[in-house]
N, C-alpha and C. Protein backbone atom coordinates (compact mmCIF):
# COMPACT_ATOMS: atom_id res chain seq x y z
N UNK A 1 0.39 -0.95 -0.52
CA UNK A 1 -0.09 -0.12 0.22
C UNK A 1 0.79 1.07 -0.19
N UNK A 2 0.72 2.18 -0.96
CA UNK A 2 1.82 3.28 -1.16
C UNK A 2 1.68 4.26 0.28
N UNK A 3 2.97 4.72 0.06
CA UNK A 3 2.41 6.36 0.86
C UNK A 3 2.87 7.13 0.38
N UNK A 4 2.59 8.55 1.40
CA UNK A 4 2.50 10.12 0.68
C UNK A 4 4.03 10.83 0.65
N UNK A 5 4.54 10.93 0.26
CA UNK A 5 5.99 12.41 0.20
C UNK A 5 6.74 11.90 1.52
N UNK A 6 6.65 10.51 1.48
CA UNK A 6 7.46 9.75 2.77
C UNK A 6 7.23 10.67 4.18
N UNK A 7 5.70 11.47 4.50
CA UNK A 7 5.23 11.37 5.48
C UNK A 7 4.35 10.30 5.90
N UNK A 8 4.71 10.72 7.71
CA UNK A 8 3.93 9.56 8.24
C UNK A 8 2.36 9.34 7.89
N UNK A 9 1.22 7.72 7.55
CA UNK A 9 0.27 8.25 6.79
C UNK A 9 -0.43 8.34 7.96
N UNK A 10 -1.62 8.63 7.69
CA UNK A 10 -2.69 9.01 8.46
C UNK A 10 -3.30 8.29 7.44
N UNK A 11 -4.66 7.60 8.10
CA UNK A 11 -5.66 7.63 7.24
C UNK A 11 -7.05 7.21 8.38
N UNK A 12 -8.94 7.38 7.50
CA UNK A 12 -9.46 6.77 8.13
C UNK A 12 -9.33 5.34 8.58
N UNK A 13 -10.27 4.90 9.65
CA UNK A 13 -10.44 3.76 10.18
C UNK A 13 -11.44 3.19 9.32
N UNK A 14 -11.89 2.07 9.14
CA UNK A 14 -13.24 1.25 8.42
C UNK A 14 -14.53 2.67 8.89
N UNK A 15 -15.61 2.62 7.21
CA UNK A 15 -16.13 2.99 7.83
C UNK A 15 -15.91 4.83 8.32
N UNK A 16 -15.59 5.48 8.91
CA UNK A 16 -14.82 6.32 8.60
C UNK A 16 -13.53 6.94 7.95
N UNK A 17 -13.61 6.67 7.60
CA UNK A 17 -11.63 6.82 6.73
C UNK A 17 -11.53 8.22 7.07
N UNK A 18 -11.46 8.33 7.93
CA UNK A 18 -10.46 10.14 7.96
C UNK A 18 -9.19 9.44 8.51
N UNK A 19 -8.16 10.64 8.53
CA UNK A 19 -7.41 9.44 9.16
C UNK A 19 -6.60 10.65 9.79
N UNK A 20 -5.95 10.51 11.21
CA UNK A 20 -5.79 12.09 11.77
C UNK A 20 -4.68 12.02 11.33
N UNK A 21 -4.95 13.91 11.43
CA UNK A 21 -3.82 14.26 10.89
C UNK A 21 -2.60 15.15 11.97
N UNK A 22 -2.92 14.70 12.64
CA UNK A 22 -2.49 15.81 13.94
C UNK A 22 -2.00 14.87 15.43
N UNK A 23 -3.14 14.81 15.70
CA UNK A 23 -2.90 13.84 16.71
C UNK A 23 -2.85 14.38 17.78
N UNK A 24 -1.96 15.43 18.04
CA UNK A 24 -1.41 16.38 19.32
C UNK A 24 -1.29 14.81 20.48
N UNK A 25 -3.48 14.67 20.29
CA UNK A 25 -4.18 13.89 20.57
C UNK A 25 -3.39 12.35 20.57
N UNK A 26 -3.04 12.31 19.25
CA UNK A 26 -2.33 11.01 19.02
C UNK A 26 -3.01 10.60 17.85
N UNK A 27 -2.08 10.01 16.80
CA UNK A 27 -2.08 9.95 15.50
C UNK A 27 -2.08 9.13 15.32
N UNK A 28 -2.60 8.16 13.89
CA UNK A 28 -3.25 7.59 13.68
C UNK A 28 -3.10 6.83 12.37
N UNK A 29 -2.87 6.68 11.71
CA UNK A 29 -3.03 6.25 10.47
C UNK A 29 -1.99 5.25 9.52
N UNK A 30 -2.84 4.49 8.60
CA UNK A 30 -2.45 3.92 8.35
C UNK A 30 -1.33 4.27 6.38
N UNK A 31 -0.93 4.33 5.73
CA UNK A 31 -0.65 4.51 4.96
C UNK A 31 -0.83 4.42 3.46
N UNK A 32 -1.47 5.33 2.71
CA UNK A 32 -2.47 5.09 1.72
C UNK A 32 -1.82 5.34 0.49
N UNK A 33 -0.11 6.04 0.31
CA UNK A 33 0.19 6.14 -1.10
C UNK A 33 1.89 6.08 -0.45
N UNK A 34 2.70 5.01 -0.88
CA UNK A 34 4.35 5.34 -0.50
C UNK A 34 5.02 6.31 -1.46
N UNK A 35 5.56 6.34 -0.25
CA UNK A 35 6.27 7.99 0.17
C UNK A 35 7.59 7.45 1.47
N UNK A 36 8.14 8.70 1.27
CA UNK A 36 8.86 8.53 2.76
C UNK A 36 8.68 9.34 3.60
N UNK A 37 7.23 10.36 3.58
CA UNK A 37 6.73 10.81 4.70
C UNK A 37 5.90 10.17 5.10
N UNK A 38 5.34 10.16 6.90
CA UNK A 38 4.26 9.17 7.24
C UNK A 38 3.06 9.82 6.95
N UNK A 39 2.10 8.93 6.58
CA UNK A 39 0.89 9.39 5.49
C UNK A 39 -0.35 10.19 6.60
N UNK A 40 -0.41 11.16 5.99
CA UNK A 40 -1.10 12.12 6.26
C UNK A 40 -2.91 12.30 5.83
N UNK A 41 -3.84 12.39 6.93
CA UNK A 41 -5.10 12.64 6.40
C UNK A 41 -5.39 14.60 6.28
N UNK A 42 -6.48 14.38 5.51
CA UNK A 42 -7.06 15.71 5.25
C UNK A 42 -7.90 16.73 6.87
N UNK A 43 -9.47 16.03 7.35
CA UNK A 43 -9.14 15.84 8.44
C UNK A 43 -8.48 15.67 9.67
N UNK A 44 -8.50 16.85 10.68
CA UNK A 44 -7.76 17.74 12.03
C UNK A 44 -8.43 16.27 12.93
N UNK A 45 -7.44 15.79 13.82
CA UNK A 45 -7.67 15.40 15.18
C UNK A 45 -7.94 16.34 15.85
N UNK A 46 -7.59 17.40 15.83
CA UNK A 46 -7.58 18.64 17.10
C UNK A 46 -9.18 18.73 16.99
N UNK A 47 -9.43 18.94 15.80
CA UNK A 47 -10.93 19.03 16.10
C UNK A 47 -11.62 18.16 16.84
N UNK A 48 -11.36 17.03 16.57
CA UNK A 48 -12.11 15.79 17.33
C UNK A 48 -11.52 15.49 18.46
N UNK A 49 -10.78 16.17 18.43
CA UNK A 49 -10.46 15.86 20.42
C UNK A 49 -10.42 17.31 20.89
N UNK A 50 -11.26 18.30 20.61
CA UNK A 50 -11.49 20.21 21.25
C UNK A 50 -12.74 19.13 22.14
N UNK A 51 -12.39 19.37 23.61
CA UNK A 51 -13.96 19.26 24.75
C UNK A 51 -14.16 17.75 24.68
N UNK A 52 -12.95 17.04 24.31
CA UNK A 52 -13.73 15.68 24.51
C UNK A 52 -12.68 15.12 25.76
N UNK A 53 -13.07 13.74 25.97
CA UNK A 53 -12.48 13.11 27.12
C UNK A 53 -11.56 11.90 26.02
N UNK A 54 -10.39 11.52 26.76
CA UNK A 54 -9.77 10.15 25.63
C UNK A 54 -8.99 9.64 27.15
N UNK A 55 -9.56 8.14 26.87
CA UNK A 55 -8.65 6.98 27.52
C UNK A 55 -7.02 6.83 27.30
N UNK A 56 -6.34 6.98 27.50
CA UNK A 56 -4.65 6.55 26.76
C UNK A 56 -4.45 4.83 27.58
N UNK A 57 -4.69 3.85 26.43
CA UNK A 57 -4.07 2.28 27.14
C UNK A 57 -2.56 2.75 26.86
N UNK A 58 -2.07 2.21 28.14
CA UNK A 58 -0.46 1.86 28.02
C UNK A 58 0.34 1.43 27.09
N UNK A 59 1.37 2.05 26.50
CA UNK A 59 1.82 2.03 25.18
C UNK A 59 2.26 0.21 25.31
N UNK A 60 2.35 0.07 23.68
CA UNK A 60 2.81 -1.56 24.06
C UNK A 60 4.31 -1.99 23.29
N UNK A 61 5.02 -2.40 23.53
CA UNK A 61 6.37 -2.25 23.42
C UNK A 61 6.48 -3.86 22.73
N UNK A 62 6.34 -4.05 21.38
CA UNK A 62 6.79 -5.26 20.77
C UNK A 62 8.93 -5.86 20.49
N UNK A 63 8.55 -6.89 21.79
CA UNK A 63 10.37 -6.89 20.81
C UNK A 63 10.54 -7.99 20.35
N UNK A 64 10.66 -8.27 19.26
CA UNK A 64 10.50 -9.28 18.91
C UNK A 64 9.37 -10.82 18.77
N UNK A 65 8.14 -9.31 18.63
CA UNK A 65 6.86 -10.72 19.07
C UNK A 65 7.00 -10.41 20.43
N UNK A 66 7.18 -10.28 21.38
CA UNK A 66 7.03 -10.15 22.89
C UNK A 66 6.64 -8.72 23.13
N UNK A 67 6.07 -8.54 24.02
CA UNK A 67 4.84 -7.60 24.51
C UNK A 67 5.50 -7.33 26.24
N UNK A 68 5.63 -5.80 25.89
CA UNK A 68 6.28 -4.91 27.06
C UNK A 68 5.37 -3.96 27.76
N UNK A 69 5.58 -3.40 28.80
CA UNK A 69 4.00 -2.19 28.58
C UNK A 69 5.00 -0.86 28.83
N UNK A 70 4.82 0.09 28.67
CA UNK A 70 5.23 1.48 29.17
C UNK A 70 4.50 2.60 29.56
N UNK A 71 4.15 2.96 30.24
CA UNK A 71 3.36 3.38 31.01
C UNK A 71 3.93 5.26 31.01
N UNK A 72 5.10 5.09 31.09
CA UNK A 72 5.66 6.40 30.75
C UNK A 72 5.67 6.94 29.59
N UNK A 73 5.59 6.61 28.85
CA UNK A 73 5.05 6.75 27.19
C UNK A 73 3.35 7.02 27.23
N UNK A 74 2.70 6.54 28.12
CA UNK A 74 1.26 6.96 27.58
C UNK A 74 0.70 8.10 28.01
N UNK A 75 1.58 7.97 29.25
CA UNK A 75 1.44 9.38 30.22
C UNK A 75 2.01 10.90 29.93
N UNK A 76 2.99 10.18 28.89
CA UNK A 76 3.65 11.77 27.38
C UNK A 76 2.60 11.68 26.65
N UNK A 77 2.06 11.03 26.32
CA UNK A 77 1.20 10.77 25.32
C UNK A 77 -0.27 11.87 25.89
N UNK A 78 -0.56 11.57 26.36
CA UNK A 78 -1.67 11.77 27.62
C UNK A 78 -1.97 13.29 27.76
N UNK A 79 0.02 13.58 28.41
CA UNK A 79 0.24 14.91 28.39
C UNK A 79 0.14 15.59 27.36
N UNK A 80 0.73 15.03 26.26
CA UNK A 80 0.36 15.91 24.89
C UNK A 80 -0.82 16.16 24.69
N UNK A 81 -1.91 15.52 24.72
CA UNK A 81 -3.10 15.73 24.06
C UNK A 81 -3.74 16.79 24.92
N UNK A 82 -3.28 16.67 26.51
CA UNK A 82 -4.39 17.72 26.83
C UNK A 82 -3.94 19.11 26.92
N UNK A 83 -2.41 19.17 26.81
CA UNK A 83 -1.64 20.39 27.14
C UNK A 83 -2.13 21.37 25.28
N UNK A 84 -1.52 20.01 24.60
CA UNK A 84 -2.01 20.58 22.91
C UNK A 84 -3.28 20.83 22.87
N UNK A 85 -4.16 20.31 22.81
CA UNK A 85 -5.55 20.54 22.31
C UNK A 85 -6.43 20.94 22.92
N UNK A 86 -6.36 20.65 24.46
CA UNK A 86 -7.62 21.17 25.66
C UNK A 86 -7.97 19.93 26.05
N UNK A 87 -7.78 18.91 25.56
CA UNK A 87 -8.85 18.10 26.21
C UNK A 87 -8.60 17.48 26.84
N UNK A 88 -9.43 16.66 27.19
CA UNK A 88 -8.83 15.76 28.88
C UNK A 88 -8.56 14.31 28.14
N UNK A 89 -7.45 13.93 29.11
CA UNK A 89 -6.87 12.53 28.71
C UNK A 89 -6.33 11.84 29.53
N UNK A 90 -6.68 10.59 30.20
CA UNK A 90 -5.74 9.93 31.52
C UNK A 90 -5.97 8.87 30.97
N UNK A 91 -4.52 8.14 31.66
CA UNK A 91 -3.71 7.33 30.72
C UNK A 91 -5.01 6.09 32.02
N UNK A 92 -4.62 4.88 31.30
CA UNK A 92 -5.62 3.38 32.20
C UNK A 92 -4.91 2.50 32.69
N UNK A 93 -4.71 2.07 33.79
CA UNK A 93 -4.11 0.75 34.02
C UNK A 93 -4.05 -0.53 33.49
N UNK A 94 -5.25 -0.28 32.89
CA UNK A 94 -5.69 -1.67 31.93
C UNK A 94 -4.36 -1.44 30.63
N UNK A 95 -4.24 -3.23 30.94
CA UNK A 95 -3.50 -3.44 29.22
C UNK A 95 -4.00 -4.17 28.16
N UNK A 96 -3.87 -4.37 27.29
CA UNK A 96 -4.02 -4.63 26.24
C UNK A 96 -4.08 -5.62 25.70
N UNK A 97 -4.24 -6.95 26.13
CA UNK A 97 -2.91 -8.44 26.53
C UNK A 97 -3.15 -9.25 25.32
N UNK A 98 -4.29 -9.49 24.87
CA UNK A 98 -4.98 -10.31 23.64
C UNK A 98 -3.25 -10.89 22.96
N UNK A 99 -3.24 -12.16 22.94
CA UNK A 99 -2.51 -12.23 21.83
C UNK A 99 -2.86 -12.40 20.58
N UNK A 100 -4.34 -12.15 20.31
CA UNK A 100 -4.34 -11.83 19.12
C UNK A 100 -4.42 -10.31 18.40
N UNK A 101 -4.60 -9.22 18.97
CA UNK A 101 -4.30 -8.03 18.85
C UNK A 101 -1.94 -7.99 18.69
N UNK A 102 -1.94 -8.54 19.44
CA UNK A 102 -0.51 -8.06 19.82
C UNK A 102 0.33 -9.06 18.66
N UNK A 103 -0.67 -10.07 18.16
CA UNK A 103 0.47 -10.90 16.85
C UNK A 103 0.04 -10.43 15.67
N UNK A 104 -1.01 -9.87 15.50
CA UNK A 104 -1.18 -9.05 14.05
C UNK A 104 -0.26 -7.49 14.93
N UNK A 105 -0.45 -6.78 15.33
CA UNK A 105 0.01 -5.74 15.35
C UNK A 105 1.69 -6.31 14.90
N UNK A 106 2.17 -6.97 14.99
CA UNK A 106 3.72 -7.66 15.17
C UNK A 106 4.08 -8.06 14.02
N UNK A 107 3.16 -8.44 13.33
CA UNK A 107 2.90 -8.91 11.74
C UNK A 107 2.43 -7.64 11.07
N UNK A 108 2.26 -6.71 11.36
CA UNK A 108 2.17 -5.57 10.88
C UNK A 108 0.81 -5.30 10.35
N UNK A 109 -0.24 -6.30 10.73
CA UNK A 109 -1.26 -6.26 10.05
C UNK A 109 -1.91 -5.13 10.83
N UNK A 110 -2.44 -4.17 10.40
CA UNK A 110 -3.01 -2.93 11.20
C UNK A 110 -4.70 -3.28 11.03
N UNK A 111 -5.16 -3.36 9.73
CA UNK A 111 -6.90 -4.02 10.68
C UNK A 111 -7.06 -4.96 11.60
N UNK A 112 -6.00 -5.89 11.43
CA UNK A 112 -6.85 -7.26 12.20
C UNK A 112 -5.96 -6.57 13.86
N UNK A 113 -4.95 -5.94 13.55
CA UNK A 113 -4.93 -5.53 15.34
C UNK A 113 -6.27 -4.19 16.24
N UNK A 114 -6.61 -3.34 14.75
CA UNK A 114 -7.60 -2.71 15.29
C UNK A 114 -8.35 -3.29 15.63
N UNK A 115 -9.39 -4.04 14.61
CA UNK A 115 -10.14 -4.83 14.76
C UNK A 115 -10.42 -5.30 16.21
N UNK A 116 -8.98 -6.12 16.69
CA UNK A 116 -8.87 -6.58 17.93
C UNK A 116 -8.71 -6.04 19.49
N UNK A 117 -8.39 -4.71 18.86
CA UNK A 117 -8.00 -3.59 19.83
C UNK A 117 -9.78 -3.22 20.08
N UNK A 118 -10.62 -3.38 19.01
CA UNK A 118 -12.29 -3.07 18.93
C UNK A 118 -13.05 -3.90 20.33
N UNK A 119 -12.83 -5.03 20.33
CA UNK A 119 -12.97 -6.27 20.77
C UNK A 119 -12.77 -6.19 22.12
N UNK A 120 -11.58 -5.54 22.17
CA UNK A 120 -11.50 -5.28 24.01
C UNK A 120 -11.92 -4.27 24.34
N UNK A 121 -12.13 -3.40 23.96
CA UNK A 121 -12.79 -2.35 24.32
C UNK A 121 -14.49 -2.15 24.14
N UNK A 122 -15.06 -3.04 23.69
CA UNK A 122 -16.49 -3.20 23.48
C UNK A 122 -16.40 -4.68 24.92
N UNK A 123 -15.51 -5.14 25.30
CA UNK A 123 -15.80 -6.32 26.40
C UNK A 123 -15.20 -5.11 27.48
N UNK A 124 -14.55 -3.90 27.53
CA UNK A 124 -14.22 -3.64 28.77
C UNK A 124 -13.97 -1.76 28.15
N UNK A 125 -15.64 -1.31 28.46
CA UNK A 125 -16.15 -0.13 28.04
C UNK A 125 -14.86 1.08 28.56
N UNK A 126 -14.61 1.61 27.94
CA UNK A 126 -14.24 3.18 28.66
C UNK A 126 -15.50 3.96 29.45
N UNK A 127 -14.88 4.56 29.80
CA UNK A 127 -15.89 5.90 30.62
C UNK A 127 -15.60 7.49 29.76
N UNK A 128 -14.91 7.23 28.66
CA UNK A 128 -14.12 8.83 28.10
C UNK A 128 -15.31 8.41 26.21
N UNK A 129 -14.79 9.67 25.81
CA UNK A 129 -15.45 10.11 24.42
C UNK A 129 -14.51 9.32 23.42
N UNK A 130 -13.03 8.77 23.65
CA UNK A 130 -12.24 8.31 22.63
C UNK A 130 -11.43 7.73 23.83
N UNK A 131 -10.65 6.59 22.42
CA UNK A 131 -9.21 5.88 23.33
C UNK A 131 -8.48 5.77 22.05
N UNK A 132 -7.45 5.89 22.75
CA UNK A 132 -5.87 5.86 22.06
C UNK A 132 -4.93 5.03 22.91
N UNK A 133 -3.59 4.64 21.66
CA UNK A 133 -2.94 3.48 21.77
C UNK A 133 -2.28 4.27 21.14
N UNK A 134 -0.23 3.51 21.39
CA UNK A 134 0.54 3.36 20.89
C UNK A 134 1.38 2.19 21.10
N UNK A 135 1.54 1.55 19.87
CA UNK A 135 2.34 0.62 19.29
C UNK A 135 4.03 0.69 19.09
N UNK A 136 4.84 0.07 19.59
CA UNK A 136 6.20 0.54 19.05
C UNK A 136 6.99 -0.81 18.92
N UNK A 137 7.34 -1.59 17.64
CA UNK A 137 7.92 -2.26 17.33
C UNK A 137 9.43 -2.52 16.64
N UNK A 138 10.18 -3.37 17.45
CA UNK A 138 11.57 -3.57 18.05
C UNK A 138 12.60 -4.94 17.63
N UNK A 139 13.31 -4.89 16.78
CA UNK A 139 13.79 -6.39 16.60
C UNK A 139 15.09 -6.26 17.42
N UNK A 140 15.56 -6.93 17.78
CA UNK A 140 16.78 -7.23 18.61
C UNK A 140 18.05 -6.67 17.86
N UNK A 141 18.12 -7.01 16.73
CA UNK A 141 19.10 -6.66 15.79
C UNK A 141 18.90 -5.93 15.19
N UNK A 142 18.08 -4.91 15.11
CA UNK A 142 18.13 -3.62 14.47
C UNK A 142 17.59 -2.40 14.98
N UNK A 143 16.63 -2.76 16.20
CA UNK A 143 15.62 -2.05 17.09
C UNK A 143 15.06 -1.21 16.40
N UNK A 144 14.12 -0.09 16.83
CA UNK A 144 12.86 0.28 16.59
C UNK A 144 12.59 0.25 14.87
N UNK A 145 11.29 -0.55 14.55
CA UNK A 145 11.03 -0.60 13.06
C UNK A 145 9.98 0.35 12.61
N UNK A 146 8.93 0.45 13.92
CA UNK A 146 7.48 1.49 13.45
C UNK A 146 7.20 1.52 14.71
N UNK A 147 6.27 2.71 14.40
CA UNK A 147 5.49 3.59 15.16
C UNK A 147 3.94 3.34 15.21
N UNK A 148 3.03 2.98 15.90
CA UNK A 148 1.62 2.83 15.08
C UNK A 148 0.99 3.62 16.45
N UNK A 149 -0.43 4.21 16.04
CA UNK A 149 -1.13 4.90 17.20
C UNK A 149 -2.18 5.11 16.43
N UNK A 150 -3.59 4.83 17.74
CA UNK A 150 -4.28 4.46 17.07
C UNK A 150 -5.38 5.38 17.86
N UNK A 151 -6.24 5.42 17.32
CA UNK A 151 -7.52 6.33 17.86
C UNK A 151 -8.87 6.33 17.73
N UNK A 152 -9.40 5.30 19.00
CA UNK A 152 -10.81 5.04 18.00
C UNK A 152 -12.04 6.21 19.18
N UNK A 153 -13.68 5.63 19.25
CA UNK A 153 -14.52 6.14 19.64
C UNK A 153 -14.81 5.16 21.08
N UNK A 154 -15.44 5.22 21.72
CA UNK A 154 -15.94 5.06 23.01
C UNK A 154 -16.28 3.28 22.15
N UNK A 155 -17.00 3.33 21.16
CA UNK A 155 -17.27 1.93 21.17
C UNK A 155 -16.30 0.81 20.54
N UNK A 156 -14.96 1.81 19.74
CA UNK A 156 -13.79 0.90 19.97
C UNK A 156 -14.08 1.40 18.08
N UNK A 157 -14.58 2.03 17.19
CA UNK A 157 -14.72 2.20 16.28
C UNK A 157 -13.25 2.87 15.67
N UNK A 158 -12.20 2.04 14.70
CA UNK A 158 -11.36 3.14 15.04
C UNK A 158 -11.89 4.60 13.88
N UNK A 159 -11.07 5.37 14.13
CA UNK A 159 -11.09 6.13 13.76
C UNK A 159 -10.17 7.37 12.77
N UNK A 160 -8.71 6.89 13.37
CA UNK A 160 -7.30 7.31 12.58
C UNK A 160 -6.77 6.44 13.22
N UNK A 161 -5.29 6.39 12.50
CA UNK A 161 -3.73 5.78 13.44
C UNK A 161 -3.30 6.49 12.29
N UNK A 162 -1.42 6.12 12.82
CA UNK A 162 -0.55 6.72 12.34
C UNK A 162 0.11 5.81 12.32
N UNK A 163 1.46 5.82 11.56
CA UNK A 163 2.19 4.60 11.30
C UNK A 163 3.47 5.33 10.00
N UNK A 164 4.65 5.15 11.39
CA UNK A 164 5.86 6.22 11.51
C UNK A 164 6.52 4.11 11.18
N UNK A 165 7.22 4.24 10.24
CA UNK A 165 8.20 3.11 9.86
C UNK A 165 9.56 3.67 9.01
N UNK A 166 10.34 3.04 8.59
CA UNK A 166 11.95 2.84 7.98
C UNK A 166 11.62 3.51 6.37
N UNK A 167 10.50 3.31 5.95
CA UNK A 167 10.08 3.82 4.76
C UNK A 167 9.38 5.18 4.64
N UNK A 168 10.14 6.23 6.07
CA UNK A 168 9.81 7.59 6.38
C UNK A 168 10.38 8.42 6.36
N UNK A 169 11.29 9.34 5.68
CA UNK A 169 12.18 10.60 5.98
C UNK A 169 12.58 10.45 7.68
N UNK A 170 11.37 11.40 8.27
CA UNK A 170 11.18 11.66 10.19
C UNK A 170 12.30 10.46 10.54
N UNK A 171 11.56 8.84 9.74
CA UNK A 171 12.06 7.95 10.63
C UNK A 171 13.90 7.16 10.34
N UNK A 172 13.70 7.92 9.39
CA UNK A 172 15.62 7.47 9.14
C UNK A 172 16.70 8.79 9.45
N UNK A 173 15.99 9.65 9.52
CA UNK A 173 16.58 11.15 10.24
C UNK A 173 16.64 11.04 11.34
N UNK A 174 15.73 10.05 12.31
CA UNK A 174 15.66 10.76 13.53
C UNK A 174 16.19 9.25 14.31
N UNK A 175 16.50 8.23 13.39
CA UNK A 175 17.28 6.37 13.83
C UNK A 175 16.92 6.82 15.29
N UNK A 176 15.78 6.56 15.92
CA UNK A 176 15.20 5.70 17.05
C UNK A 176 15.75 4.61 17.75
N UNK A 177 16.34 4.64 18.94
CA UNK A 177 16.94 3.28 19.40
C UNK A 177 16.49 2.50 20.39
N UNK A 178 15.35 3.44 21.18
CA UNK A 178 15.26 3.29 22.46
C UNK A 178 13.32 4.06 22.48
N UNK A 179 12.65 2.94 23.27
CA UNK A 179 11.23 3.43 23.56
C UNK A 179 11.19 5.06 24.00
N UNK A 180 11.75 5.48 24.33
CA UNK A 180 11.52 6.98 24.57
C UNK A 180 11.78 7.52 23.22
N UNK A 181 13.28 7.23 22.72
CA UNK A 181 13.29 8.00 21.36
C UNK A 181 11.95 7.75 20.41
N UNK A 182 11.26 6.69 20.81
CA UNK A 182 10.32 6.26 19.50
C UNK A 182 9.28 6.94 20.30
N UNK A 183 8.88 7.69 21.22
CA UNK A 183 8.25 8.33 21.75
C UNK A 183 8.20 9.78 21.58
N UNK A 184 9.19 10.65 21.81
CA UNK A 184 9.76 11.82 21.06
C UNK A 184 9.22 12.47 19.74
N UNK A 185 9.35 10.50 18.77
CA UNK A 185 9.25 10.99 17.42
C UNK A 185 7.69 11.28 17.00
N UNK A 186 7.15 10.52 17.95
CA UNK A 186 5.45 10.31 17.98
C UNK A 186 5.58 11.96 18.11
N UNK A 187 5.51 12.28 19.34
CA UNK A 187 5.15 13.58 19.70
C UNK A 187 5.38 14.77 18.88
N UNK A 188 6.43 14.88 17.96
CA UNK A 188 7.50 15.33 16.90
C UNK A 188 6.33 15.42 15.82
N UNK A 189 5.92 14.12 15.37
CA UNK A 189 5.08 14.01 14.41
C UNK A 189 3.79 14.98 14.88
N UNK A 190 3.04 14.45 16.07
CA UNK A 190 1.84 15.20 15.84
C UNK A 190 2.36 16.31 16.16
N UNK A 191 3.02 17.04 17.28
CA UNK A 191 3.15 18.30 17.52
C UNK A 191 3.68 19.43 15.88
N UNK A 192 3.91 18.65 14.36
CA UNK A 192 4.34 19.27 13.52
C UNK A 192 2.73 19.61 12.56
N UNK A 193 2.10 18.36 12.89
CA UNK A 193 1.09 18.26 11.77
C UNK A 193 0.37 19.13 12.96
N UNK A 194 -0.22 19.15 14.30
CA UNK A 194 -0.33 20.82 14.44
C UNK A 194 -0.23 22.12 14.15
N UNK A 195 1.13 21.89 14.26
CA UNK A 195 0.66 23.43 13.69
C UNK A 195 0.69 23.94 12.49
N UNK A 196 0.84 22.87 11.69
CA UNK A 196 0.76 22.86 10.23
C UNK A 196 -0.89 23.07 10.01
N UNK A 197 -1.44 22.20 11.10
CA UNK A 197 -3.41 22.84 10.84
C UNK A 197 -3.58 24.12 11.72
N UNK A 198 -3.13 24.70 12.08
CA UNK A 198 -3.11 25.75 13.06
C UNK A 198 -3.07 27.33 12.14
N UNK A 199 -1.47 26.81 11.38
CA UNK A 199 -1.22 27.92 10.33
C UNK A 199 -2.66 27.36 9.49
N UNK A 200 -3.19 26.51 8.62
CA UNK A 200 -4.62 26.97 8.63
C UNK A 200 -5.38 27.14 7.92
N UNK A 201 -5.97 27.64 9.89
CA UNK A 201 -6.93 28.27 9.73
C UNK A 201 -7.35 29.63 9.37
């Protein structure tokens, strides 16, 4: 599936295929055109997040297919959403532990992963308007190979997602090595998009 201009890819979820553009609150999107930039959407996430509440799940860090959970990364994302969009975000202690979505995300099957995340949310309802989660993929002999973020409504329907990986200039230039580097890069991409959206208003 191609990506656009080497930018992180932003696309709509099924049904509402709008991708998030900025997501200071959380970028989530899939590549729709192949380039070196993360994929971007036309609609803005800032508008979606304004005056909304968001549950942020612990970030899933996949090392060679094995999952661990990064609460500081989720807290950083929640703080970004709150401070840069005026929305209210809270970090959940609940972890996405089902083997199905984790295996799907590890294989890069984002649609299956998104469907599994929806099933998790439906089985464990959130008390907020939106839900967000980031996933970092690592290979032991390479380091980070991809950064994903997902934004859903309270029913688990995917609103947008973002993917940043080795095919994107911003990823190659940043050369992330740790989970902290991945968090910084995700927030950098979201802030950049937020600023572009503000200038366009």
